[in-house]
């Protein structure tokens, strides 16, 4: 590390659980973030500030005035701009050393299969069920750890999936891919602004723990947050023996 890096990341380096070796792992990491909205904004900002060396952000949307209530990486001046470019500008304003690849497109299996062989961690910050399952399946195929979150109204969910842990469930163990239901969107149901910041920040925290090797990741649990009562609940989840995605993958 350079002298400037030692200074910039000194508060991480002072933590015994991270230190210089952990920070060097962060600097060498490649994080793929699917979604550049309410969850992707704080996740990208914290990963960039922490020094993740390479970040790929995937989203096909543009910044809208209604986004600014909660999507903190975007600004009034960037309304109408691609969200991925807005995220790149926001992260570079904090840490210009980070290499950011901004992909203005929807995530699909082909794109994920191209990116994941070089990815250290994936953060699912999207807002639809189909994409969540595409990302989960790709992470299982490539054995890439995944931090998934969701936020709607006042309720948040967080799940850490590690395909390298033979006992840990994947997203499909909890939410069956074949399930059909009416997708609920922030545009019609609303969302409490600080909730997406909370969940996206926790995604960054779990990603940095997995990258650096510090702490105990929340693998094997579905964590649910009710921001109205500031109440957390957690369910221990086992890998499903007949999961259509990860069964037999050990």
C-alpha atoms as a PDB file:
ATOM      1  CA  UNK A   1       0.000   0.000   0.000  1.00  0.00           C
ATOM      2  CA  UNK A   2       1.083   3.568  -0.653  1.00  0.00           C
ATOM      3  CA  UNK A   3       1.396   6.163   2.089  1.00  0.00           C
ATOM      4  CA  UNK A   4      -1.850   7.760   0.916  1.00  0.00           C
ATOM      5  CA  UNK A   5      -3.647   4.403   1.125  1.00  0.00           C
ATOM      6  CA  UNK A   6      -2.265   3.736   4.596  1.00  0.00           C
ATOM      7  CA  UNK A   7      -3.719   7.071   5.668  1.00  0.00           C
ATOM      8  CA  UNK A   8      -7.044   6.736   3.818  1.00  0.00           C
ATOM      9  CA  UNK A   9      -7.748   3.267   5.210  1.00  0.00           C
ATOM     10  CA  UNK A  10      -6.089   3.758   8.602  1.00  0.00           C
ATOM     11  CA  UNK A  11      -9.325   3.259  10.576  1.00  0.00           C
ATOM     12  CA  UNK A  12      -9.752  -0.180   9.032  1.00  0.00           C
ATOM     13  CA  UNK A  13      -6.097  -1.021   9.518  1.00  0.00           C
ATOM     14  CA  UNK A  14      -6.406  -0.143  13.224  1.00  0.00           C
ATOM     15  CA  UNK A  15      -8.996  -2.895  13.617  1.00  0.00           C
ATOM     16  CA  UNK A  16      -7.184  -6.073  14.659  1.00  0.00           C
ATOM     17  CA  UNK A  17      -9.737  -8.180  12.774  1.00  0.00           C
ATOM     18  CA  UNK A  18      -8.897  -6.396   9.483  1.00  0.00           C
ATOM     19  CA  UNK A  19      -5.400  -4.902   9.734  1.00  0.00           C
ATOM     20  CA  UNK A  20      -3.151  -4.440   6.721  1.00  0.00           C
ATOM     21  CA  UNK A  21      -3.746  -7.950   5.357  1.00  0.00           C
ATOM     22  CA  UNK A  22      -7.519  -7.566   5.437  1.00  0.00           C
ATOM     23  CA  UNK A  23      -7.352  -4.147   3.809  1.00  0.00           C
ATOM     24  CA  UNK A  24      -5.121  -5.520   1.080  1.00  0.00           C
ATOM     25  CA  UNK A  25      -7.750  -8.180   0.384  1.00  0.00           C
ATOM     26  CA  UNK A  26     -10.340  -5.404   0.100  1.00  0.00           C
ATOM     27  CA  UNK A  27      -8.126  -3.479  -2.324  1.00  0.00           C
ATOM     28  CA  UNK A  28      -7.720  -6.600  -4.470  1.00  0.00           C
ATOM     29  CA  UNK A  29     -11.435  -7.486  -4.493  1.00  0.00           C
ATOM     30  CA  UNK A  30     -13.982  -7.242  -7.299  1.00  0.00           C
ATOM     31  CA  UNK A  31     -17.573  -6.581  -6.203  1.00  0.00           C
ATOM     32  CA  UNK A  32     -20.496  -6.928  -8.616  1.00  0.00           C
ATOM     33  CA  UNK A  33     -23.544  -4.859  -7.646  1.00  0.00           C
ATOM     34  CA  UNK A  34     -26.823  -5.690  -9.394  1.00  0.00           C
ATOM     35  CA  UNK A  35     -29.042  -2.634  -9.083  1.00  0.00           C
ATOM     36  CA  UNK A  36     -28.118   1.032  -8.681  1.00  0.00           C
ATOM     37  CA  UNK A  37     -31.130   2.253  -6.732  1.00  0.00           C
ATOM     38  CA  UNK A  38     -32.008   2.468  -3.052  1.00  0.00           C
ATOM     39  CA  UNK A  39     -29.948  -0.531  -1.964  1.00  0.00           C
ATOM     40  CA  UNK A  40     -27.181  -0.191  -4.538  1.00  0.00           C
ATOM     41  CA  UNK A  41     -26.517   3.450  -3.644  1.00  0.00           C
ATOM     42  CA  UNK A  42     -25.302   2.985  -0.036  1.00  0.00           C
ATOM     43  CA  UNK A  43     -23.741  -0.378  -0.863  1.00  0.00           C
ATOM     44  CA  UNK A  44     -21.611   1.111  -3.648  1.00  0.00           C
ATOM     45  CA  UNK A  45     -20.676   4.193  -1.623  1.00  0.00           C
ATOM     46  CA  UNK A  46     -19.480   2.159   1.358  1.00  0.00           C
ATOM     47  CA  UNK A  47     -17.630  -0.408  -0.733  1.00  0.00           C
ATOM     48  CA  UNK A  48     -15.940   2.365  -2.694  1.00  0.00           C
ATOM     49  CA  UNK A  49     -15.072   4.321   0.442  1.00  0.00           C
ATOM     50  CA  UNK A  50     -13.662   1.153   2.019  1.00  0.00           C
ATOM     51  CA  UNK A  51     -11.327   0.683  -0.944  1.00  0.00           C
ATOM     52  CA  UNK A  52     -12.787  -2.259  -2.863  1.00  0.00           C
ATOM     53  CA  UNK A  53     -10.451  -2.137  -5.837  1.00  0.00           C
ATOM     54  CA  UNK A  54     -12.943  -2.937  -8.580  1.00  0.00           C
ATOM     55  CA  UNK A  55     -16.707  -2.462  -8.628  1.00  0.00           C
ATOM     56  CA  UNK A  56     -19.051  -3.434 -11.462  1.00  0.00           C
ATOM     57  CA  UNK A  57     -22.520  -1.873 -11.290  1.00  0.00           C
ATOM     58  CA  UNK A  58     -25.385  -3.219 -13.427  1.00  0.00           C
ATOM     59  CA  UNK A  59     -28.644  -1.327 -14.006  1.00  0.00           C
ATOM     60  CA  UNK A  60     -30.581  -0.210 -17.088  1.00  0.00           C
ATOM     61  CA  UNK A  61     -32.561   2.606 -15.469  1.00  0.00           C
ATOM     62  CA  UNK A  62     -32.118   6.386 -15.395  1.00  0.00           C
ATOM     63  CA  UNK A  63     -32.301   8.726 -12.417  1.00  0.00           C
ATOM     64  CA  UNK A  64     -35.812  10.009 -11.778  1.00  0.00           C
ATOM     65  CA  UNK A  65     -36.956  12.764  -9.426  1.00  0.00           C
ATOM     66  CA  UNK A  66     -38.899  10.202  -7.367  1.00  0.00           C
ATOM     67  CA  UNK A  67     -35.643   8.296  -6.708  1.00  0.00           C
ATOM     68  CA  UNK A  68     -34.039  11.162  -4.797  1.00  0.00           C
ATOM     69  CA  UNK A  69     -36.103  10.566  -1.642  1.00  0.00           C
ATOM     70  CA  UNK A  70     -33.976   7.498  -0.850  1.00  0.00           C
ATOM     71  CA  UNK A  71     -31.353   6.714  -3.530  1.00  0.00           C
ATOM     72  CA  UNK A  72     -28.559   8.722  -1.933  1.00  0.00           C
ATOM     73  CA  UNK A  73     -25.900   8.264  -4.632  1.00  0.00           C
ATOM     74  CA  UNK A  74     -27.987  10.302  -7.091  1.00  0.00           C
ATOM     75  CA  UNK A  75     -28.488  14.072  -7.220  1.00  0.00           C
ATOM     76  CA  UNK A  76     -30.941  16.563  -8.704  1.00  0.00           C
ATOM     77  CA  UNK A  77     -28.328  17.527 -11.296  1.00  0.00           C
ATOM     78  CA  UNK A  78     -28.151  13.926 -12.531  1.00  0.00           C
ATOM     79  CA  UNK A  79     -31.894  13.409 -13.093  1.00  0.00           C
ATOM     80  CA  UNK A  80     -32.212  11.774 -16.514  1.00  0.00           C
ATOM     81  CA  UNK A  81     -28.702  10.294 -16.401  1.00  0.00           C
ATOM     82  CA  UNK A  82     -28.071   6.549 -16.334  1.00  0.00           C
ATOM     83  CA  UNK A  83     -28.038   5.358 -12.736  1.00  0.00           C
ATOM     84  CA  UNK A  84     -24.814   3.425 -13.254  1.00  0.00           C
ATOM     85  CA  UNK A  85     -23.032   6.576 -14.419  1.00  0.00           C
ATOM     86  CA  UNK A  86     -24.448   8.507 -11.475  1.00  0.00           C
ATOM     87  CA  UNK A  87     -23.167   5.819  -9.090  1.00  0.00           C
ATOM     88  CA  UNK A  88     -19.750   5.971 -10.738  1.00  0.00           C
ATOM     89  CA  UNK A  89     -19.596   9.752 -10.251  1.00  0.00           C
ATOM     90  CA  UNK A  90     -20.712   9.468  -6.615  1.00  0.00           C
ATOM     91  CA  UNK A  91     -18.156   6.797  -5.711  1.00  0.00           C
ATOM     92  CA  UNK A  92     -15.319   8.559  -7.540  1.00  0.00           C
ATOM     93  CA  UNK A  93     -16.117  11.765  -5.640  1.00  0.00           C
ATOM     94  CA  UNK A  94     -15.259   9.831  -2.457  1.00  0.00           C
ATOM     95  CA  UNK A  95     -12.503   7.568  -3.735  1.00  0.00           C
ATOM     96  CA  UNK A  96     -11.083   8.170  -7.229  1.00  0.00           C
ATOM     97  CA  UNK A  97      -8.824   5.098  -6.977  1.00  0.00           C
ATOM     98  CA  UNK A  98     -11.689   2.630  -7.376  1.00  0.00           C
ATOM     99  CA  UNK A  99     -12.049   1.063 -10.830  1.00  0.00           C
ATOM    100  CA  UNK A 100     -15.753   1.197 -11.664  1.00  0.00           C
ATOM    101  CA  UNK A 101     -17.370  -0.538 -14.611  1.00  0.00           C
ATOM    102  CA  UNK A 102     -20.827   0.906 -15.288  1.00  0.00           C
ATOM    103  CA  UNK A 103     -23.038  -1.455 -17.300  1.00  0.00           C
ATOM    104  CA  UNK A 104     -26.299   0.109 -18.438  1.00  0.00           C
ATOM    105  CA  UNK A 105     -28.277  -3.058 -19.039  1.00  0.00           C
ATOM    106  CA  UNK A 106     -30.373  -5.610 -17.241  1.00  0.00           C
ATOM    107  CA  UNK A 107     -28.548  -8.489 -15.607  1.00  0.00           C
ATOM    108  CA  UNK A 108     -29.024 -11.767 -17.445  1.00  0.00           C
ATOM    109  CA  UNK A 109     -27.436 -15.209 -17.231  1.00  0.00           C
ATOM    110  CA  UNK A 110     -24.989 -14.528 -20.066  1.00  0.00           C
ATOM    111  CA  UNK A 111     -23.697 -11.312 -18.494  1.00  0.00           C
ATOM    112  CA  UNK A 112     -23.406 -12.884 -15.048  1.00  0.00           C
ATOM    113  CA  UNK A 113     -21.535 -15.883 -16.437  1.00  0.00           C
ATOM    114  CA  UNK A 114     -19.056 -13.461 -17.987  1.00  0.00           C
ATOM    115  CA  UNK A 115     -18.531 -11.388 -14.839  1.00  0.00           C
ATOM    116  CA  UNK A 116     -18.631 -13.881 -11.997  1.00  0.00           C
ATOM    117  CA  UNK A 117     -15.439 -15.846 -12.728  1.00  0.00           C
ATOM    118  CA  UNK A 118     -13.473 -12.737 -11.688  1.00  0.00           C
ATOM    119  CA  UNK A 119     -15.852 -11.582  -8.938  1.00  0.00           C
ATOM    120  CA  UNK A 120     -15.027 -11.843  -5.249  1.00  0.00           C
ATOM    121  CA  UNK A 121     -18.551 -11.016  -4.074  1.00  0.00           C
ATOM    122  CA  UNK A 122     -21.963 -10.212  -5.554  1.00  0.00           C
ATOM    123  CA  UNK A 123     -24.522  -7.864  -4.011  1.00  0.00           C
ATOM    124  CA  UNK A 124     -28.116  -8.322  -5.141  1.00  0.00           C
ATOM    125  CA  UNK A 125     -29.610  -4.823  -4.883  1.00  0.00           C
ATOM    126  CA  UNK A 126     -32.303  -5.322  -7.514  1.00  0.00           C
ATOM    127  CA  UNK A 127     -36.043  -4.893  -7.086  1.00  0.00           C
ATOM    128  CA  UNK A 128     -37.599  -7.869  -8.834  1.00  0.00           C
ATOM    129  CA  UNK A 129     -38.029 -11.571  -8.098  1.00  0.00           C
ATOM    130  CA  UNK A 130     -36.882 -12.915 -11.464  1.00  0.00           C
ATOM    131  CA  UNK A 131     -33.532 -11.122 -11.356  1.00  0.00           C
ATOM    132  CA  UNK A 132     -32.920 -12.233  -7.774  1.00  0.00           C
ATOM    133  CA  UNK A 133     -33.223 -15.844  -8.888  1.00  0.00           C
ATOM    134  CA  UNK A 134     -30.988 -15.285 -11.932  1.00  0.00           C
ATOM    135  CA  UNK A 135     -28.303 -13.797  -9.679  1.00  0.00           C
ATOM    136  CA  UNK A 136     -28.633 -16.568  -7.104  1.00  0.00           C
ATOM    137  CA  UNK A 137     -28.369 -19.315  -9.741  1.00  0.00           C
ATOM    138  CA  UNK A 138     -25.286 -17.696 -11.284  1.00  0.00           C
ATOM    139  CA  UNK A 139     -23.603 -17.360  -7.881  1.00  0.00           C
ATOM    140  CA  UNK A 140     -24.262 -21.036  -7.156  1.00  0.00           C
ATOM    141  CA  UNK A 141     -22.829 -22.021 -10.557  1.00  0.00           C
ATOM    142  CA  UNK A 142     -19.657 -20.008 -10.017  1.00  0.00           C
ATOM    143  CA  UNK A 143     -19.432 -20.516  -6.235  1.00  0.00           C
ATOM    144  CA  UNK A 144     -19.408 -16.779  -5.674  1.00  0.00           C
ATOM    145  CA  UNK A 145     -20.672 -15.479  -2.307  1.00  0.00           C
ATOM    146  CA  UNK A 146     -23.843 -13.400  -2.548  1.00  0.00           C
ATOM    147  CA  UNK A 147     -25.364 -10.798  -0.236  1.00  0.00           C
ATOM    148  CA  UNK A 148     -29.043 -10.278  -1.046  1.00  0.00           C
ATOM    149  CA  UNK A 149     -31.412  -7.696   0.401  1.00  0.00           C
ATOM    150  CA  UNK A 150     -34.883  -6.318  -0.191  1.00  0.00           C
ATOM    151  CA  UNK A 151     -36.813  -3.340   1.163  1.00  0.00           C
ATOM    152  CA  UNK A 152     -40.467  -2.341   0.790  1.00  0.00           C
ATOM    153  CA  UNK A 153     -42.693  -0.085   2.858  1.00  0.00           C
ATOM    154  CA  UNK A 154     -41.156  -0.367   6.364  1.00  0.00           C
ATOM    155  CA  UNK A 155     -39.817  -3.940   6.047  1.00  0.00           C
ATOM    156  CA  UNK A 156     -36.372  -5.178   5.061  1.00  0.00           C
ATOM    157  CA  UNK A 157     -34.774  -8.571   4.462  1.00  0.00           C
ATOM    158  CA  UNK A 158     -31.139  -9.632   4.387  1.00  0.00           C
ATOM    159  CA  UNK A 159     -29.593 -12.978   3.442  1.00  0.00           C
ATOM    160  CA  UNK A 160     -25.983 -14.063   2.902  1.00  0.00           C
ATOM    161  CA  UNK A 161     -25.464 -16.993   0.534  1.00  0.00           C
ATOM    162  CA  UNK A 162     -22.113 -18.794   0.386  1.00  0.00           C
ATOM    163  CA  UNK A 163     -22.095 -21.616  -2.200  1.00  0.00           C
ATOM    164  CA  UNK A 164     -18.738 -22.749  -0.791  1.00  0.00           C
ATOM    165  CA  UNK A 165     -20.442 -23.748   2.476  1.00  0.00           C
ATOM    166  CA  UNK A 166     -21.993 -27.187   1.955  1.00  0.00           C
ATOM    167  CA  UNK A 167     -24.532 -26.586   4.727  1.00  0.00           C
ATOM    168  CA  UNK A 168     -25.611 -23.087   3.759  1.00  0.00           C
ATOM    169  CA  UNK A 169     -28.844 -22.537   1.814  1.00  0.00           C
ATOM    170  CA  UNK A 170     -29.176 -20.507  -1.360  1.00  0.00           C
ATOM    171  CA  UNK A 171     -31.911 -17.989  -2.107  1.00  0.00           C
ATOM    172  CA  UNK A 172     -34.024 -20.653  -3.847  1.00  0.00           C
ATOM    173  CA  UNK A 173     -34.026 -22.795  -0.687  1.00  0.00           C
ATOM    174  CA  UNK A 174     -36.106 -20.073   0.957  1.00  0.00           C
ATOM    175  CA  UNK A 175     -37.986 -18.542  -1.969  1.00  0.00           C
ATOM    176  CA  UNK A 176     -38.904 -21.167  -4.609  1.00  0.00           C
ATOM    177  CA  UNK A 177     -38.110 -20.025  -8.174  1.00  0.00           C
ATOM    178  CA  UNK A 178     -41.381 -21.442  -9.481  1.00  0.00           C
ATOM    179  CA  UNK A 179     -43.488 -19.417  -7.039  1.00  0.00           C
ATOM    180  CA  UNK A 180     -45.801 -16.961  -8.746  1.00  0.00           C
ATOM    181  CA  UNK A 181     -47.115 -13.830  -7.076  1.00  0.00           C
ATOM    182  CA  UNK A 182     -47.864 -10.234  -7.897  1.00  0.00           C
ATOM    183  CA  UNK A 183     -44.631  -8.220  -7.734  1.00  0.00           C
ATOM    184  CA  UNK A 184     -44.897  -5.307  -5.311  1.00  0.00           C
ATOM    185  CA  UNK A 185     -42.999  -2.166  -6.318  1.00  0.00           C
ATOM    186  CA  UNK A 186     -41.904   0.943  -4.422  1.00  0.00           C
ATOM    187  CA  UNK A 187     -43.708   2.993  -7.071  1.00  0.00           C
ATOM    188  CA  UNK A 188     -47.089   1.690  -5.893  1.00  0.00           C
ATOM    189  CA  UNK A 189     -46.468   0.533  -2.308  1.00  0.00           C
ATOM    190  CA  UNK A 190     -43.986   3.159  -1.093  1.00  0.00           C
ATOM    191  CA  UNK A 191     -40.802   2.712   0.935  1.00  0.00           C
ATOM    192  CA  UNK A 192     -39.420   4.385   4.071  1.00  0.00           C
ATOM    193  CA  UNK A 193     -36.334   6.312   2.936  1.00  0.00           C
ATOM    194  CA  UNK A 194     -33.827   5.328   5.682  1.00  0.00           C
ATOM    195  CA  UNK A 195     -34.819   1.651   5.383  1.00  0.00           C
ATOM    196  CA  UNK A 196     -33.058   1.184   2.044  1.00  0.00           C
ATOM    197  CA  UNK A 197     -29.995   2.922   3.476  1.00  0.00           C
ATOM    198  CA  UNK A 198     -29.992   0.542   6.426  1.00  0.00           C
ATOM    199  CA  UNK A 199     -30.300  -2.583   4.295  1.00  0.00           C
ATOM    200  CA  UNK A 200     -27.800  -1.440   1.642  1.00  0.00           C
ATOM    201  CA  UNK A 201     -25.267  -0.493   4.318  1.00  0.00           C
ATOM    202  CA  UNK A 202     -25.673  -3.921   5.911  1.00  0.00           C
ATOM    203  CA  UNK A 203     -25.073  -5.525   2.518  1.00  0.00           C
ATOM    204  CA  UNK A 204     -21.794  -3.602   2.287  1.00  0.00           C
ATOM    205  CA  UNK A 205     -20.898  -4.688   5.830  1.00  0.00           C
ATOM    206  CA  UNK A 206     -21.478  -8.374   5.090  1.00  0.00           C
ATOM    207  CA  UNK A 207     -19.594  -8.090   1.793  1.00  0.00           C
ATOM    208  CA  UNK A 208     -16.582  -6.483   3.492  1.00  0.00           C
ATOM    209  CA  UNK A 209     -16.619  -9.165   6.197  1.00  0.00           C
ATOM    210  CA  UNK A 210     -16.546 -11.907   3.567  1.00  0.00           C
ATOM    211  CA  UNK A 211     -13.831 -10.167   1.547  1.00  0.00           C
ATOM    212  CA  UNK A 212     -11.528  -9.359   4.467  1.00  0.00           C
ATOM    213  CA  UNK A 213     -12.200 -12.466   6.534  1.00  0.00           C
ATOM    214  CA  UNK A 214     -13.250 -10.534   9.625  1.00  0.00           C
ATOM    215  CA  UNK A 215     -16.197 -11.370  11.850  1.00  0.00           C
ATOM    216  CA  UNK A 216     -18.865 -14.001  11.340  1.00  0.00           C
ATOM    217  CA  UNK A 217     -20.963 -13.606   8.178  1.00  0.00           C
ATOM    218  CA  UNK A 218     -24.736 -14.007   8.486  1.00  0.00           C
ATOM    219  CA  UNK A 219     -24.724 -17.168   6.341  1.00  0.00           C
ATOM    220  CA  UNK A 220     -27.645 -19.532   6.795  1.00  0.00           C
ATOM    221  CA  UNK A 221     -30.043 -16.951   8.205  1.00  0.00           C
ATOM    222  CA  UNK A 222     -32.921 -14.935   6.849  1.00  0.00           C
ATOM    223  CA  UNK A 223     -32.859 -11.647   8.736  1.00  0.00           C
ATOM    224  CA  UNK A 224     -35.963  -9.460   8.756  1.00  0.00           C
ATOM    225  CA  UNK A 225     -36.160  -5.866   9.928  1.00  0.00           C
ATOM    226  CA  UNK A 226     -39.300  -3.925  10.889  1.00  0.00           C
ATOM    227  CA  UNK A 227     -38.251  -0.268  10.898  1.00  0.00           C
ATOM    228  CA  UNK A 228     -41.543   0.854  12.451  1.00  0.00           C
ATOM    229  CA  UNK A 229     -40.624  -0.866  15.718  1.00  0.00           C
ATOM    230  CA  UNK A 230     -36.847  -1.124  15.186  1.00  0.00           C
ATOM    231  CA  UNK A 231     -37.290  -4.858  15.580  1.00  0.00           C
ATOM    232  CA  UNK A 232     -35.046  -7.554  14.112  1.00  0.00           C
ATOM    233  CA  UNK A 233     -36.053 -11.193  13.725  1.00  0.00           C
ATOM    234  CA  UNK A 234     -33.880 -13.974  12.351  1.00  0.00           C
ATOM    235  CA  UNK A 235     -34.681 -17.436  11.015  1.00  0.00           C
ATOM    236  CA  UNK A 236     -32.066 -20.155  10.815  1.00  0.00           C
ATOM    237  CA  UNK A 237     -32.352 -21.800   7.378  1.00  0.00           C
ATOM    238  CA  UNK A 238     -30.932 -25.164   6.307  1.00  0.00           C
ATOM    239  CA  UNK A 239     -30.001 -26.097   2.752  1.00  0.00           C
ATOM    240  CA  UNK A 240     -33.014 -27.754   1.120  1.00  0.00           C
ATOM    241  CA  UNK A 241     -32.246 -31.310   0.051  1.00  0.00           C
ATOM    242  CA  UNK A 242     -34.256 -31.011  -3.157  1.00  0.00           C
ATOM    243  CA  UNK A 243     -33.546 -27.368  -3.993  1.00  0.00           C
ATOM    244  CA  UNK A 244     -33.761 -26.949  -7.790  1.00  0.00           C
ATOM    245  CA  UNK A 245     -30.670 -24.707  -7.742  1.00  0.00           C
ATOM    246  CA  UNK A 246     -28.181 -25.910  -5.143  1.00  0.00           C
ATOM    247  CA  UNK A 247     -29.197 -29.533  -4.380  1.00  0.00           C
ATOM    248  CA  UNK A 248     -26.183 -31.767  -4.852  1.00  0.00           C
ATOM    249  CA  UNK A 249     -23.839 -28.776  -5.055  1.00  0.00           C
ATOM    250  CA  UNK A 250     -21.282 -29.380  -2.283  1.00  0.00           C
END
